[in-house]
C-alpha atoms as a PDB file:
ATOM      1  CA  UNK A   1     -24.382 -21.878   5.696  1.00  0.00           C
ATOM      2  CA  UNK A   2     -22.495 -18.799   5.576  1.00  0.00           C
ATOM      3  CA  UNK A   3     -20.043 -18.025   2.846  1.00  0.00           C
ATOM      4  CA  UNK A   4     -16.286 -18.202   3.551  1.00  0.00           C
ATOM      5  CA  UNK A   5     -13.828 -15.321   3.146  1.00  0.00           C
ATOM      6  CA  UNK A   6     -10.230 -15.688   3.538  1.00  0.00           C
ATOM      7  CA  UNK A   7      -8.516 -12.437   4.401  1.00  0.00           C
ATOM      8  CA  UNK A   8      -4.656 -12.283   3.878  1.00  0.00           C
ATOM      9  CA  UNK A   9      -2.693  -9.356   5.186  1.00  0.00           C
ATOM     10  CA  UNK A  10       0.489  -9.091   7.209  1.00  0.00           C
ATOM     11  CA  UNK A  11      -1.034  -6.352   9.443  1.00  0.00           C
ATOM     12  CA  UNK A  12      -2.652  -8.019  12.481  1.00  0.00           C
ATOM     13  CA  UNK A  13      -4.794  -4.765  13.049  1.00  0.00           C
ATOM     14  CA  UNK A  14      -6.237  -4.881   9.445  1.00  0.00           C
ATOM     15  CA  UNK A  15      -6.983  -8.672  10.098  1.00  0.00           C
ATOM     16  CA  UNK A  16      -8.635  -7.887  13.390  1.00  0.00           C
ATOM     17  CA  UNK A  17     -10.890  -5.017  11.684  1.00  0.00           C
ATOM     18  CA  UNK A  18     -11.959  -7.207   8.774  1.00  0.00           C
ATOM     19  CA  UNK A  19     -12.861 -10.131  10.934  1.00  0.00           C
ATOM     20  CA  UNK A  20     -15.197  -7.607  13.069  1.00  0.00           C
ATOM     21  CA  UNK A  21     -16.790  -6.063  10.086  1.00  0.00           C
ATOM     22  CA  UNK A  22     -17.351  -9.144   7.948  1.00  0.00           C
ATOM     23  CA  UNK A  23     -17.788 -11.838  10.740  1.00  0.00           C
ATOM     24  CA  UNK A  24     -21.435 -11.149  11.301  1.00  0.00           C
ATOM     25  CA  UNK A  25     -22.397 -12.143   7.641  1.00  0.00           C
ATOM     26  CA  UNK A  26     -19.467 -14.437   6.604  1.00  0.00           C
ATOM     27  CA  UNK A  27     -17.187 -17.030   8.012  1.00  0.00           C
ATOM     28  CA  UNK A  28     -14.005 -15.244   8.039  1.00  0.00           C
ATOM     29  CA  UNK A  29     -10.574 -17.023   7.957  1.00  0.00           C
ATOM     30  CA  UNK A  30      -7.310 -15.191   8.605  1.00  0.00           C
ATOM     31  CA  UNK A  31      -3.962 -15.512   7.105  1.00  0.00           C
ATOM     32  CA  UNK A  32      -1.015 -13.291   7.751  1.00  0.00           C
ATOM     33  CA  UNK A  33       1.343 -14.299   4.915  1.00  0.00           C
ATOM     34  CA  UNK A  34       0.905 -15.756   1.467  1.00  0.00           C
ATOM     35  CA  UNK A  35       2.284 -18.965   2.731  1.00  0.00           C
ATOM     36  CA  UNK A  36      -0.216 -19.401   5.478  1.00  0.00           C
ATOM     37  CA  UNK A  37      -3.176 -18.511   3.019  1.00  0.00           C
ATOM     38  CA  UNK A  38      -2.180 -21.280   0.432  1.00  0.00           C
ATOM     39  CA  UNK A  39      -1.858 -23.984   3.565  1.00  0.00           C
ATOM     40  CA  UNK A  40      -5.434 -22.972   4.517  1.00  0.00           C
ATOM     41  CA  UNK A  41      -6.821 -23.148   0.877  1.00  0.00           C
ATOM     42  CA  UNK A  42      -5.405 -26.644   0.673  1.00  0.00           C
ATOM     43  CA  UNK A  43      -7.884 -27.591   3.497  1.00  0.00           C
ATOM     44  CA  UNK A  44     -10.572 -25.497   3.442  1.00  0.00           C
ATOM     45  CA  UNK A  45     -13.310 -24.514   0.988  1.00  0.00           C
ATOM     46  CA  UNK A  46     -13.216 -20.641   0.339  1.00  0.00           C
ATOM     47  CA  UNK A  47     -15.783 -18.680  -1.540  1.00  0.00           C
ATOM     48  CA  UNK A  48     -13.720 -15.421  -1.688  1.00  0.00           C
ATOM     49  CA  UNK A  49     -10.318 -14.213  -0.937  1.00  0.00           C
ATOM     50  CA  UNK A  50      -9.236 -10.601   0.069  1.00  0.00           C
ATOM     51  CA  UNK A  51      -5.590 -10.272  -0.630  1.00  0.00           C
ATOM     52  CA  UNK A  52      -2.980  -7.712   0.452  1.00  0.00           C
ATOM     53  CA  UNK A  53      -0.588  -7.146  -2.321  1.00  0.00           C
ATOM     54  CA  UNK A  54       2.349  -5.557  -0.476  1.00  0.00           C
ATOM     55  CA  UNK A  55       3.658  -8.440   1.813  1.00  0.00           C
ATOM     56  CA  UNK A  56       7.024  -9.676   2.929  1.00  0.00           C
ATOM     57  CA  UNK A  57       8.271 -13.018   1.577  1.00  0.00           C
ATOM     58  CA  UNK A  58       5.501 -13.877  -0.739  1.00  0.00           C
ATOM     59  CA  UNK A  59       3.660 -10.888  -2.096  1.00  0.00           C
ATOM     60  CA  UNK A  60      -0.028 -10.793  -2.997  1.00  0.00           C
ATOM     61  CA  UNK A  61       0.546 -11.299  -6.700  1.00  0.00           C
ATOM     62  CA  UNK A  62       2.714 -14.327  -6.259  1.00  0.00           C
ATOM     63  CA  UNK A  63       0.388 -15.711  -3.624  1.00  0.00           C
ATOM     64  CA  UNK A  64      -2.744 -15.260  -6.150  1.00  0.00           C
ATOM     65  CA  UNK A  65      -0.683 -16.994  -8.954  1.00  0.00           C
ATOM     66  CA  UNK A  66       0.148 -19.853  -6.715  1.00  0.00           C
ATOM     67  CA  UNK A  67      -3.759 -19.938  -5.595  1.00  0.00           C
ATOM     68  CA  UNK A  68      -4.865 -20.275  -9.072  1.00  0.00           C
ATOM     69  CA  UNK A  69      -2.670 -23.274  -9.745  1.00  0.00           C
ATOM     70  CA  UNK A  70      -4.791 -25.366  -7.464  1.00  0.00           C
ATOM     71  CA  UNK A  71      -8.042 -23.672  -6.861  1.00  0.00           C
ATOM     72  CA  UNK A  72      -9.449 -23.048 -10.299  1.00  0.00           C
ATOM     73  CA  UNK A  73     -13.023 -23.149  -9.286  1.00  0.00           C
END
């Protein structure tokens, strides 16, 4: 089973590039906002997160803090 990586970025081109690069070796989930990332983490097991820091609405730091609250492992 492939490891699962959640990639969070508000730039769709970055999401597409990352999926192309990592998709051969990993199961890649994409989210274009912190809110979407949190929703995906509630229902999907994720092994690693690549998180953009500079995003509108909820920046990467706030997203990370919220992720830690329910995904300690």
